[in-house]
C-alpha atoms as a PDB file:
ATOM      1  CA  MET A   1      96.760 -10.201  97.303  1.00  0.00           C
ATOM      2  CA  MET A   2      99.603 -11.308  95.045  1.00  0.00           C
ATOM      3  CA  ARG A   3      99.424 -10.124  91.440  1.00  0.00           C
ATOM      4  CA  LEU A   4     100.367 -12.359  88.507  1.00  0.00           C
ATOM      5  CA  SER A   5     101.854 -11.353  85.145  1.00  0.00           C
ATOM      6  CA  ARG A   6     103.047 -13.553  82.283  1.00  0.00           C
ATOM      7  CA  ASP A   7     104.771 -11.384  79.667  1.00  0.00           C
ATOM      8  CA  VAL A   8     108.266  -9.986  79.220  1.00  0.00           C
ATOM      9  CA  ALA A   9     106.906  -6.792  77.672  1.00  0.00           C
ATOM     10  CA  GLY A  10     104.569  -4.392  79.428  1.00  0.00           C
ATOM     11  CA  PRO A  11     104.456  -1.549  81.912  1.00  0.00           C
ATOM     12  CA  CYS A  12     106.736  -1.513  84.942  1.00  0.00           C
ATOM     13  CA  LEU A  13     105.257  -3.756  87.631  1.00  0.00           C
ATOM     14  CA  ALA A  14     107.080  -2.101  90.523  1.00  0.00           C
ATOM     15  CA  PRO A  15     107.526   1.629  89.855  1.00  0.00           C
ATOM     16  CA  GLY A  16     108.913   2.120  93.349  1.00  0.00           C
ATOM     17  CA  GLY A  17     111.591  -0.502  92.825  1.00  0.00           C
ATOM     18  CA  SER A  18     111.714  -4.212  93.599  1.00  0.00           C
ATOM     19  CA  VAL A  19     113.741  -6.925  95.232  1.00  0.00           C
ATOM     20  CA  VAL A  20     113.627  -9.934  92.927  1.00  0.00           C
ATOM     21  CA  ALA A  21     114.052 -13.684  93.346  1.00  0.00           C
ATOM     22  CA  ILE A  22     114.605 -15.722  90.167  1.00  0.00           C
ATOM     23  CA  GLY A  23     114.305 -19.486  89.755  1.00  0.00           C
ATOM     24  CA  ALA A  24     112.253 -22.475  88.655  1.00  0.00           C
ATOM     25  CA  PHE A  25     111.124 -23.097  92.257  1.00  0.00           C
ATOM     26  CA  ASP A  26     109.803 -26.610  91.640  1.00  0.00           C
ATOM     27  CA  GLY A  27     108.514 -27.950  94.951  1.00  0.00           C
ATOM     28  CA  LEU A  28     109.300 -24.771  96.914  1.00  0.00           C
ATOM     29  CA  HIS A  29     111.632 -26.726  99.189  1.00  0.00           C
ATOM     30  CA  ARG A  30     113.476 -25.279 102.174  1.00  0.00           C
ATOM     31  CA  GLY A  31     116.198 -23.753 100.014  1.00  0.00           C
ATOM     32  CA  HIS A  32     113.568 -21.917  97.966  1.00  0.00           C
ATOM     33  CA  GLN A  33     111.770 -20.869 101.132  1.00  0.00           C
ATOM     34  CA  ALA A  34     114.962 -19.367 102.536  1.00  0.00           C
ATOM     35  CA  LEU A  35     115.547 -17.390  99.333  1.00  0.00           C
ATOM     36  CA  LEU A  36     112.003 -15.999  99.274  1.00  0.00           C
ATOM     37  CA  ALA A  37     112.193 -15.102 102.967  1.00  0.00           C
ATOM     38  CA  GLN A  38     115.409 -13.179 102.309  1.00  0.00           C
ATOM     39  CA  VAL A  39     113.810 -11.302  99.409  1.00  0.00           C
ATOM     40  CA  ARG A  40     110.774 -10.409 101.517  1.00  0.00           C
ATOM     41  CA  GLU A  41     112.964  -9.140 104.379  1.00  0.00           C
ATOM     42  CA  ARG A  42     115.201  -7.089 102.072  1.00  0.00           C
ATOM     43  CA  ALA A  43     112.174  -5.550 100.328  1.00  0.00           C
ATOM     44  CA  GLN A  44     110.757  -4.500 103.679  1.00  0.00           C
ATOM     45  CA  ALA A  45     114.113  -3.079 104.754  1.00  0.00           C
ATOM     46  CA  ILE A  46     114.548  -0.828 101.701  1.00  0.00           C
ATOM     47  CA  GLY A  47     110.889  -0.077 101.001  1.00  0.00           C
ATOM     48  CA  CYS A  48     110.518  -2.012  97.750  1.00  0.00           C
ATOM     49  CA  THR A  49     108.155  -4.598  96.290  1.00  0.00           C
ATOM     50  CA  PRO A  50     109.097  -8.282  96.792  1.00  0.00           C
ATOM     51  CA  VAL A  51     108.842  -9.969  93.394  1.00  0.00           C
ATOM     52  CA  VAL A  52     109.514 -13.493  92.146  1.00  0.00           C
ATOM     53  CA  VAL A  53     110.355 -14.393  88.545  1.00  0.00           C
ATOM     54  CA  SER A  54     109.721 -17.981  87.526  1.00  0.00           C
ATOM     55  CA  PHE A  55     109.046 -19.967  84.368  1.00  0.00           C
ATOM     56  CA  GLU A  56     106.407 -22.294  82.906  1.00  0.00           C
ATOM     57  CA  PRO A  57     106.966 -24.819  81.584  1.00  0.00           C
ATOM     58  CA  LEU A  58     109.972 -25.576  83.734  1.00  0.00           C
ATOM     59  CA  PRO A  59     113.157 -24.948  81.707  1.00  0.00           C
ATOM     60  CA  ARG A  60     114.495 -28.478  82.274  1.00  0.00           C
ATOM     61  CA  ALA A  61     111.194 -29.896  80.987  1.00  0.00           C
ATOM     62  CA  TYR A  62     111.234 -27.626  77.934  1.00  0.00           C
ATOM     63  CA  PHE A  63     114.658 -28.882  76.854  1.00  0.00           C
ATOM     64  CA  SER A  64     114.161 -32.544  77.770  1.00  0.00           C
ATOM     65  CA  SER A  65     113.171 -35.178  75.232  1.00  0.00           C
ATOM     66  CA  GLU A  66     111.739 -37.307  78.059  1.00  0.00           C
ATOM     67  CA  PRO A  67     108.890 -36.501  80.490  1.00  0.00           C
ATOM     68  CA  VAL A  68     110.300 -34.715  83.532  1.00  0.00           C
ATOM     69  CA  PRO A  69     108.671 -35.299  86.946  1.00  0.00           C
ATOM     70  CA  ARG A  70     107.772 -32.189  88.870  1.00  0.00           C
ATOM     71  CA  LEU A  71     107.197 -31.710  92.575  1.00  0.00           C
ATOM     72  CA  SER A  72     104.505 -29.047  92.417  1.00  0.00           C
ATOM     73  CA  SER A  73     101.795 -27.926  90.056  1.00  0.00           C
ATOM     74  CA  VAL A  74     101.630 -24.368  88.773  1.00  0.00           C
ATOM     75  CA  ARG A  75      98.798 -23.703  91.213  1.00  0.00           C
ATOM     76  CA  ASP A  76     100.838 -25.075  94.118  1.00  0.00           C
ATOM     77  CA  LYS A  77     103.765 -22.880  93.175  1.00  0.00           C
ATOM     78  CA  LEU A  78     101.705 -19.701  92.940  1.00  0.00           C
ATOM     79  CA  LEU A  79     100.020 -20.377  96.279  1.00  0.00           C
ATOM     80  CA  GLY A  80     103.465 -20.917  97.774  1.00  0.00           C
ATOM     81  CA  PHE A  81     104.716 -17.601  96.413  1.00  0.00           C
ATOM     82  CA  ALA A  82     101.747 -15.800  97.928  1.00  0.00           C
ATOM     83  CA  ALA A  83     102.236 -17.540 101.279  1.00  0.00           C
ATOM     84  CA  ALA A  84     105.907 -16.487 101.238  1.00  0.00           C
ATOM     85  CA  GLY A  85     104.892 -12.833 101.019  1.00  0.00           C
ATOM     86  CA  MET A  86     105.613 -12.140  97.356  1.00  0.00           C
ATOM     87  CA  GLU A  87     103.513  -9.218  96.139  1.00  0.00           C
ATOM     88  CA  HIS A  88     103.987  -9.923  92.441  1.00  0.00           C
ATOM     89  CA  THR A  89     104.882 -13.009  90.398  1.00  0.00           C
ATOM     90  CA  LEU A  90     106.214 -12.663  86.867  1.00  0.00           C
ATOM     91  CA  LEU A  91     105.610 -16.166  85.547  1.00  0.00           C
ATOM     92  CA  LEU A  92     107.305 -16.018  82.169  1.00  0.00           C
ATOM     93  CA  ARG A  93     106.285 -18.291  79.328  1.00  0.00           C
ATOM     94  CA  PHE A  94     109.348 -20.433  78.696  1.00  0.00           C
ATOM     95  CA  ASN A  95     109.213 -20.735  74.916  1.00  0.00           C
ATOM     96  CA  ALA A  96     111.365 -20.299  71.820  1.00  0.00           C
ATOM     97  CA  GLY A  97     111.242 -16.524  72.100  1.00  0.00           C
ATOM     98  CA  LEU A  98     112.485 -16.483  75.688  1.00  0.00           C
ATOM     99  CA  THR A  99     115.219 -19.055  75.068  1.00  0.00           C
ATOM    100  CA  ALA A 100     116.510 -16.975  72.145  1.00  0.00           C
ATOM    101  CA  MET A 101     116.789 -13.827  74.277  1.00  0.00           C
ATOM    102  CA  PRO A 102     120.411 -12.930  75.076  1.00  0.00           C
ATOM    103  CA  ALA A 103     121.235 -12.722  78.755  1.00  0.00           C
ATOM    104  CA  GLU A 104     121.964  -9.001  78.500  1.00  0.00           C
ATOM    105  CA  ALA A 105     118.531  -8.373  76.976  1.00  0.00           C
ATOM    106  CA  PHE A 106     116.877 -10.346  79.771  1.00  0.00           C
ATOM    107  CA  VAL A 107     118.544  -8.127  82.345  1.00  0.00           C
ATOM    108  CA  GLN A 108     117.555  -4.939  80.538  1.00  0.00           C
ATOM    109  CA  LYS A 109     113.979  -5.843  79.590  1.00  0.00           C
ATOM    110  CA  VAL A 110     112.872  -7.978  82.533  1.00  0.00           C
ATOM    111  CA  LEU A 111     114.891  -6.889  85.547  1.00  0.00           C
ATOM    112  CA  CYS A 112     115.259  -3.200  84.738  1.00  0.00           C
ATOM    113  CA  GLU A 113     112.339  -2.142  82.526  1.00  0.00           C
ATOM    114  CA  ARG A 114     109.667  -4.555  83.788  1.00  0.00           C
ATOM    115  CA  LEU A 115     110.662  -4.759  87.471  1.00  0.00           C
ATOM    116  CA  ALA A 116     112.845  -1.730  88.278  1.00  0.00           C
ATOM    117  CA  ALA A 117     115.035  -4.118  90.257  1.00  0.00           C
ATOM    118  CA  ARG A 118     117.222  -2.772  93.038  1.00  0.00           C
ATOM    119  CA  GLU A 119     118.355  -6.179  94.289  1.00  0.00           C
ATOM    120  CA  VAL A 120     118.339  -9.498  92.412  1.00  0.00           C
ATOM    121  CA  TRP A 121     118.662 -12.740  94.405  1.00  0.00           C
ATOM    122  CA  VAL A 122     119.585 -16.072  92.790  1.00  0.00           C
ATOM    123  CA  GLY A 123     121.322 -19.330  93.598  1.00  0.00           C
ATOM    124  CA  GLY A 124     125.072 -19.523  93.092  1.00  0.00           C
ATOM    125  CA  ASP A 125     124.712 -21.815  90.061  1.00  0.00           C
ATOM    126  CA  PHE A 126     122.100 -19.642  88.328  1.00  0.00           C
ATOM    127  CA  ARG A 127     122.329 -19.490  84.527  1.00  0.00           C
ATOM    128  CA  PHE A 128     120.043 -17.609  82.155  1.00  0.00           C
ATOM    129  CA  GLY A 129     119.656 -16.259  78.651  1.00  0.00           C
ATOM    130  CA  HIS A 130     120.380 -17.738  75.228  1.00  0.00           C
ATOM    131  CA  LYS A 131     122.494 -20.887  75.546  1.00  0.00           C
ATOM    132  CA  ARG A 132     122.770 -20.175  79.295  1.00  0.00           C
ATOM    133  CA  GLY A 133     125.115 -17.323  78.496  1.00  0.00           C
ATOM    134  CA  GLY A 134     124.339 -15.348  81.650  1.00  0.00           C
ATOM    135  CA  ASP A 135     125.564 -16.059  85.163  1.00  0.00           C
ATOM    136  CA  VAL A 136     126.018 -14.338  88.509  1.00  0.00           C
ATOM    137  CA  ALA A 137     129.148 -12.537  87.288  1.00  0.00           C
ATOM    138  CA  LEU A 138     127.200 -10.970  84.418  1.00  0.00           C
ATOM    139  CA  LEU A 139     124.425  -9.914  86.807  1.00  0.00           C
ATOM    140  CA  GLU A 140     126.998  -8.262  89.073  1.00  0.00           C
ATOM    141  CA  GLN A 141     128.666  -6.510  86.164  1.00  0.00           C
ATOM    142  CA  MET A 142     125.453  -5.195  84.616  1.00  0.00           C
ATOM    143  CA  GLY A 143     124.040  -4.268  88.005  1.00  0.00           C
ATOM    144  CA  GLN A 144     126.893  -1.840  88.600  1.00  0.00           C
ATOM    145  CA  THR A 145     125.893   0.033  85.433  1.00  0.00           C
ATOM    146  CA  LEU A 146     122.107  -0.313  85.658  1.00  0.00           C
ATOM    147  CA  GLY A 147     121.665   0.400  89.340  1.00  0.00           C
ATOM    148  CA  PHE A 148     120.883  -2.925  91.003  1.00  0.00           C
ATOM    149  CA  THR A 149     122.851  -5.284  93.240  1.00  0.00           C
ATOM    150  CA  ALA A 150     123.154  -9.001  92.428  1.00  0.00           C
ATOM    151  CA  ARG A 151     123.212 -11.290  95.446  1.00  0.00           C
ATOM    152  CA  THR A 152     123.508 -15.059  95.793  1.00  0.00           C
ATOM    153  CA  MET A 153     121.768 -17.189  98.397  1.00  0.00           C
ATOM    154  CA  PRO A 154     124.026 -19.750 100.106  1.00  0.00           C
ATOM    155  CA  PRO A 155     122.825 -23.358  99.731  1.00  0.00           C
ATOM    156  CA  VAL A 156     120.643 -24.711 102.524  1.00  0.00           C
ATOM    157  CA  SER A 157     121.956 -28.015 103.890  1.00  0.00           C
ATOM    158  CA  LEU A 158     120.321 -30.707 105.954  1.00  0.00           C
ATOM    159  CA  ASP A 159     122.243 -33.582 107.504  1.00  0.00           C
ATOM    160  CA  GLY A 160     125.353 -32.420 105.691  1.00  0.00           C
ATOM    161  CA  ALA A 161     123.817 -32.505 102.200  1.00  0.00           C
ATOM    162  CA  ARG A 162     122.446 -29.697 100.073  1.00  0.00           C
ATOM    163  CA  VAL A 163     118.675 -29.345  99.838  1.00  0.00           C
ATOM    164  CA  SER A 164     117.704 -29.584  96.171  1.00  0.00           C
ATOM    165  CA  ALA A 165     114.716 -30.499  94.035  1.00  0.00           C
ATOM    166  CA  THR A 166     116.756 -33.313  92.478  1.00  0.00           C
ATOM    167  CA  ARG A 167     117.408 -34.845  95.885  1.00  0.00           C
ATOM    168  CA  VAL A 168     113.719 -34.571  96.803  1.00  0.00           C
ATOM    169  CA  ARG A 169     112.653 -36.268  93.555  1.00  0.00           C
ATOM    170  CA  MET A 170     115.048 -39.152  94.170  1.00  0.00           C
ATOM    171  CA  LEU A 171     113.707 -39.716  97.684  1.00  0.00           C
ATOM    172  CA  LEU A 172     110.099 -39.603  96.540  1.00  0.00           C
ATOM    173  CA  ALA A 173     110.736 -41.999  93.657  1.00  0.00           C
ATOM    174  CA  ALA A 174     112.198 -44.438  96.197  1.00  0.00           C
ATOM    175  CA  GLY A 175     109.149 -44.070  98.455  1.00  0.00           C
ATOM    176  CA  GLU A 176     111.211 -42.300 101.135  1.00  0.00           C
ATOM    177  CA  PHE A 177     108.519 -39.862 102.198  1.00  0.00           C
ATOM    178  CA  THR A 178     109.853 -39.402 105.723  1.00  0.00           C
ATOM    179  CA  GLY A 179     113.226 -38.463 104.226  1.00  0.00           C
ATOM    180  CA  ALA A 180     111.739 -36.018 101.710  1.00  0.00           C
ATOM    181  CA  ALA A 181     109.518 -34.151 104.188  1.00  0.00           C
ATOM    182  CA  PRO A 182     112.342 -32.335 106.053  1.00  0.00           C
ATOM    183  CA  LEU A 183     113.790 -31.135 102.729  1.00  0.00           C
ATOM    184  CA  LEU A 184     110.418 -29.828 101.603  1.00  0.00           C
ATOM    185  CA  GLY A 185     109.611 -28.442 105.028  1.00  0.00           C
ATOM    186  CA  ARG A 186     106.286 -30.309 104.883  1.00  0.00           C
ATOM    187  CA  PRO A 187     104.892 -33.699 103.803  1.00  0.00           C
ATOM    188  CA  PHE A 188     104.665 -34.394 100.073  1.00  0.00           C
ATOM    189  CA  VAL A 189     101.136 -33.622  98.876  1.00  0.00           C
ATOM    190  CA  MET A 190      99.405 -33.721  95.504  1.00  0.00           C
ATOM    191  CA  GLU A 191      96.070 -32.062  95.017  1.00  0.00           C
ATOM    192  CA  GLY A 192      93.415 -31.586  92.391  1.00  0.00           C
ATOM    193  CA  LYS A 193      89.712 -31.610  91.661  1.00  0.00           C
ATOM    194  CA  VAL A 194      87.831 -34.905  91.968  1.00  0.00           C
ATOM    195  CA  GLU A 195      86.434 -36.011  88.603  1.00  0.00           C
ATOM    196  CA  TYR A 196      84.164 -38.809  87.420  1.00  0.00           C
ATOM    197  CA  GLY A 197      85.670 -42.202  86.612  1.00  0.00           C
ATOM    198  CA  ASN A 198      84.229 -45.470  85.349  1.00  0.00           C
ATOM    199  CA  GLN A 199      83.201 -46.456  88.922  1.00  0.00           C
ATOM    200  CA  LEU A 200      84.833 -49.897  88.689  1.00  0.00           C
ATOM    201  CA  GLY A 201      86.253 -49.509  92.189  1.00  0.00           C
ATOM    202  CA  ARG A 202      82.739 -49.183  93.571  1.00  0.00           C
ATOM    203  CA  THR A 203      81.773 -52.575  92.143  1.00  0.00           C
ATOM    204  CA  LEU A 204      84.866 -54.114  93.791  1.00  0.00           C
ATOM    205  CA  GLY A 205      84.073 -52.615  97.183  1.00  0.00           C
ATOM    206  CA  TYR A 206      86.607 -49.806  96.901  1.00  0.00           C
ATOM    207  CA  PRO A 207      85.012 -46.615  95.564  1.00  0.00           C
ATOM    208  CA  THR A 208      87.658 -44.095  94.591  1.00  0.00           C
ATOM    209  CA  ALA A 209      87.959 -40.371  94.103  1.00  0.00           C
ATOM    210  CA  ASN A 210      89.826 -39.738  90.860  1.00  0.00           C
ATOM    211  CA  ILE A 211      92.261 -36.899  90.118  1.00  0.00           C
ATOM    212  CA  HIS A 212      93.586 -36.588  86.564  1.00  0.00           C
ATOM    213  CA  LEU A 213      97.187 -35.370  86.390  1.00  0.00           C
ATOM    214  CA  ARG A 214      96.987 -34.373  82.707  1.00  0.00           C
ATOM    215  CA  GLU A 215     100.285 -32.794  81.638  1.00  0.00           C
ATOM    216  CA  ARG A 216     101.880 -33.020  85.078  1.00  0.00           C
ATOM    217  CA  VAL A 217     104.440 -35.819  85.393  1.00  0.00           C
ATOM    218  CA  SER A 218     104.374 -37.325  88.876  1.00  0.00           C
ATOM    219  CA  PRO A 219     107.591 -38.167  90.749  1.00  0.00           C
ATOM    220  CA  VAL A 220     105.814 -41.115  92.424  1.00  0.00           C
ATOM    221  CA  HIS A 221     104.015 -44.187  91.063  1.00  0.00           C
ATOM    222  CA  GLY A 222     102.486 -47.201  92.768  1.00  0.00           C
ATOM    223  CA  ILE A 223     100.169 -47.974  95.669  1.00  0.00           C
ATOM    224  CA  PHE A 224     100.325 -45.864  98.837  1.00  0.00           C
ATOM    225  CA  ALA A 225      98.969 -45.310 102.313  1.00  0.00           C
ATOM    226  CA  VAL A 226      97.719 -41.719 102.327  1.00  0.00           C
ATOM    227  CA  ARG A 227      95.961 -39.065 104.354  1.00  0.00           C
ATOM    228  CA  VAL A 228      93.446 -36.832 102.626  1.00  0.00           C
ATOM    229  CA  GLY A 229      92.268 -33.268 103.107  1.00  0.00           C
ATOM    230  CA  LEU A 230      89.025 -32.001 101.577  1.00  0.00           C
ATOM    231  CA  GLY A 231      88.561 -28.354 100.693  1.00  0.00           C
ATOM    232  CA  GLU A 232      90.579 -26.278 103.150  1.00  0.00           C
ATOM    233  CA  CYS A 233      90.833 -29.075 105.729  1.00  0.00           C
ATOM    234  CA  GLU A 234      94.200 -30.546 106.721  1.00  0.00           C
ATOM    235  CA  CYS A 235      95.208 -33.990 105.486  1.00  0.00           C
ATOM    236  CA  SER A 236      93.814 -36.213 108.208  1.00  0.00           C
ATOM    237  CA  TRP A 237      91.361 -38.668 106.614  1.00  0.00           C
ATOM    238  CA  PRO A 238      93.104 -42.053 106.140  1.00  0.00           C
ATOM    239  CA  GLY A 239      93.017 -43.947 102.894  1.00  0.00           C
ATOM    240  CA  VAL A 240      94.827 -45.943 100.248  1.00  0.00           C
ATOM    241  CA  ALA A 241      95.746 -44.585  96.815  1.00  0.00           C
ATOM    242  CA  SER A 242      96.915 -45.810  93.437  1.00  0.00           C
ATOM    243  CA  LEU A 243      98.863 -43.608  91.048  1.00  0.00           C
ATOM    244  CA  GLY A 244      99.453 -45.226  87.690  1.00  0.00           C
ATOM    245  CA  VAL A 245      97.916 -46.424  84.444  1.00  0.00           C
ATOM    246  CA  ARG A 246      95.616 -49.229  85.740  1.00  0.00           C
ATOM    247  CA  PRO A 247      97.297 -52.105  83.845  1.00  0.00           C
ATOM    248  CA  THR A 248      94.799 -54.812  84.881  1.00  0.00           C
ATOM    249  CA  VAL A 249      91.599 -53.120  83.697  1.00  0.00           C
ATOM    250  CA  ASN A 250      90.877 -50.130  81.518  1.00  0.00           C
ATOM    251  CA  GLU A 251      94.502 -49.129  81.126  1.00  0.00           C
ATOM    252  CA  VAL A 252      94.747 -45.364  80.686  1.00  0.00           C
ATOM    253  CA  SER A 253      97.245 -43.412  78.619  1.00  0.00           C
ATOM    254  CA  GLU A 254      97.942 -40.852  81.338  1.00  0.00           C
ATOM    255  CA  PRO A 255      98.595 -41.679  85.004  1.00  0.00           C
ATOM    256  CA  LEU A 256      95.569 -41.319  87.249  1.00  0.00           C
ATOM    257  CA  LEU A 257      95.495 -40.732  91.004  1.00  0.00           C
ATOM    258  CA  GLU A 258      92.740 -42.859  92.553  1.00  0.00           C
ATOM    259  CA  VAL A 259      92.051 -42.496  96.267  1.00  0.00           C
ATOM    260  CA  HIS A 260      89.895 -44.730  98.452  1.00  0.00           C
ATOM    261  CA  LEU A 261      88.987 -43.022 101.738  1.00  0.00           C
ATOM    262  CA  PHE A 262      88.547 -45.503 104.557  1.00  0.00           C
ATOM    263  CA  ASP A 263      85.063 -45.663 106.096  1.00  0.00           C
ATOM    264  CA  PHE A 264      83.865 -42.625 104.126  1.00  0.00           C
ATOM    265  CA  ASP A 265      80.356 -42.152 102.794  1.00  0.00           C
ATOM    266  CA  GLY A 266      79.743 -39.052 100.728  1.00  0.00           C
ATOM    267  CA  ASP A 267      79.881 -37.376  97.329  1.00  0.00           C
ATOM    268  CA  LEU A 268      83.296 -35.930  96.496  1.00  0.00           C
ATOM    269  CA  TYR A 269      82.786 -35.023  92.834  1.00  0.00           C
ATOM    270  CA  GLY A 270      83.900 -31.496  92.045  1.00  0.00           C
ATOM    271  CA  GLN A 271      85.662 -30.985  95.372  1.00  0.00           C
ATOM    272  CA  ARG A 272      89.353 -30.128  95.716  1.00  0.00           C
ATOM    273  CA  MET A 273      91.279 -32.886  97.419  1.00  0.00           C
ATOM    274  CA  ALA A 274      94.785 -32.846  98.868  1.00  0.00           C
ATOM    275  CA  VAL A 275      96.530 -36.218  99.135  1.00  0.00           C
ATOM    276  CA  GLU A 276      99.452 -36.610 101.536  1.00  0.00           C
ATOM    277  CA  PHE A 277     101.646 -39.610 100.704  1.00  0.00           C
ATOM    278  CA  VAL A 278     102.583 -41.427 103.913  1.00  0.00           C
ATOM    279  CA  ALA A 279     104.146 -44.722 102.789  1.00  0.00           C
ATOM    280  CA  LYS A 280     104.565 -46.740  99.615  1.00  0.00           C
ATOM    281  CA  LEU A 281     102.987 -50.203  99.769  1.00  0.00           C
ATOM    282  CA  ARG A 282     104.138 -51.625  96.435  1.00  0.00           C
ATOM    283  CA  ASP A 283     104.652 -50.952  92.750  1.00  0.00           C
ATOM    284  CA  GLU A 284     101.738 -51.063  90.352  1.00  0.00           C
ATOM    285  CA  GLN A 285     101.349 -54.478  88.705  1.00  0.00           C
ATOM    286  CA  LYS A 286      99.109 -56.318  86.270  1.00  0.00           C
ATOM    287  CA  PHE A 287      96.942 -59.134  87.646  1.00  0.00           C
ATOM    288  CA  ASP A 288      95.360 -62.083  85.837  1.00  0.00           C
ATOM    289  CA  GLY A 289      91.834 -60.871  86.521  1.00  0.00           C
ATOM    290  CA  LEU A 290      89.468 -59.018  88.829  1.00  0.00           C
ATOM    291  CA  ASP A 291      89.537 -61.727  91.521  1.00  0.00           C
ATOM    292  CA  ALA A 292      93.307 -61.511  91.873  1.00  0.00           C
ATOM    293  CA  LEU A 293      93.149 -57.712  91.781  1.00  0.00           C
ATOM    294  CA  THR A 294      90.466 -57.595  94.473  1.00  0.00           C
ATOM    295  CA  ALA A 295      92.424 -59.962  96.724  1.00  0.00           C
ATOM    296  CA  GLN A 296      95.454 -57.690  96.447  1.00  0.00           C
ATOM    297  CA  MET A 297      93.298 -54.647  97.183  1.00  0.00           C
ATOM    298  CA  HIS A 298      92.213 -56.339 100.418  1.00  0.00           C
ATOM    299  CA  ARG A 299      95.868 -56.832 101.363  1.00  0.00           C
ATOM    300  CA  ASP A 300      96.661 -53.226 100.473  1.00  0.00           C
ATOM    301  CA  ASP A 301      93.727 -52.135 102.640  1.00  0.00           C
ATOM    302  CA  ARG A 302      95.046 -54.036 105.658  1.00  0.00           C
ATOM    303  CA  MET A 303      98.610 -52.817 105.246  1.00  0.00           C
ATOM    304  CA  ALA A 304      97.590 -49.170 104.779  1.00  0.00           C
ATOM    305  CA  ARG A 305      95.346 -49.237 107.841  1.00  0.00           C
ATOM    306  CA  GLU A 306      98.146 -50.683 109.945  1.00  0.00           C
ATOM    307  CA  LEU A 307     100.658 -48.103 108.716  1.00  0.00           C
ATOM    308  CA  LEU A 308      98.185 -45.329 109.473  1.00  0.00           C
ATOM    309  CA  GLY A 309      97.572 -46.611 113.004  1.00  0.00           C
ATOM    310  CA  MET A 310      94.104 -47.999 112.341  1.00  0.00           C
ATOM    311  CA  ASN A 311      92.587 -51.357 113.163  1.00  0.00           C
ATOM    312  CA  PRO A 312      92.611 -53.431 109.977  1.00  0.00           C
ATOM    313  CA  ARG A 313      89.240 -54.493 108.617  1.00  0.00           C
ATOM    314  CA  LEU A 314      88.263 -58.144 108.849  1.00  0.00           C
ATOM    315  CA  LEU A 315      88.240 -59.256 105.216  1.00  0.00           C
ATOM    316  CA  ASP A 316      87.697 -62.682 103.750  1.00  0.00           C
ATOM    317  CA  ALA A 317      90.453 -62.526 101.168  1.00  0.00           C
END
């Protein structure tokens, strides 16, 4: 079982030595997966602990004055680390204290004292420490003195272009889910626990399971054809979903993911639900009233069923 720590200070987490991956790892795309696989293999080869160092909140979100979309939740990221074979995650709190730490102090306190690093793996453009003062060259220089080797992971490319979280976010924002999936190495999925809503969808003939995103900023917004997985089940149940602020009725301050499962009869409250985004149907829009909204929901229903390979329902509107 993977262990999780949050603090810079504390006892050594890998007394026998470690091989360390460092990064934000948002989305755990194929480039991240390749880096973690390399760290796991090197740790096995030299008899050390495979460790990943990451940060929450994401550094780019901490410094941004605008909300920054993210590809994975903290839970998703930690599950991904465990699945990749990491034995320990040091998930550092990215705050004023960490940003003020000089790069040299980060190397000494985190990599040497906390992790007893023997190899440190990063991307070629890695920067760290106060005012991004540290880079790969500094890691290499300090490693020669402190007893670890700094290594860089070559970029992973697909169709001649580098795999990156930025590229994935752009594809998802454009509704290009088939283009984003090969970069991620899997379909784009959001998950969470189903919570109670105001049950308006039920009165309109479209009961929904609601997932509150809270602080997470979604890279996608609009109306979508989706496939849903409940509990540990794969995403196979077809449905239609809305992710937005409900501008026609009961507008909410934070985006809400509402999912209507086709031909489903059951109680989903309290269950964990995974939602795979298959295709974008349209942007969210404000309608003149419930009749116009319901008519559009019928059209969304038909289109989603067709895209998912189902027979569309016979609806009056």
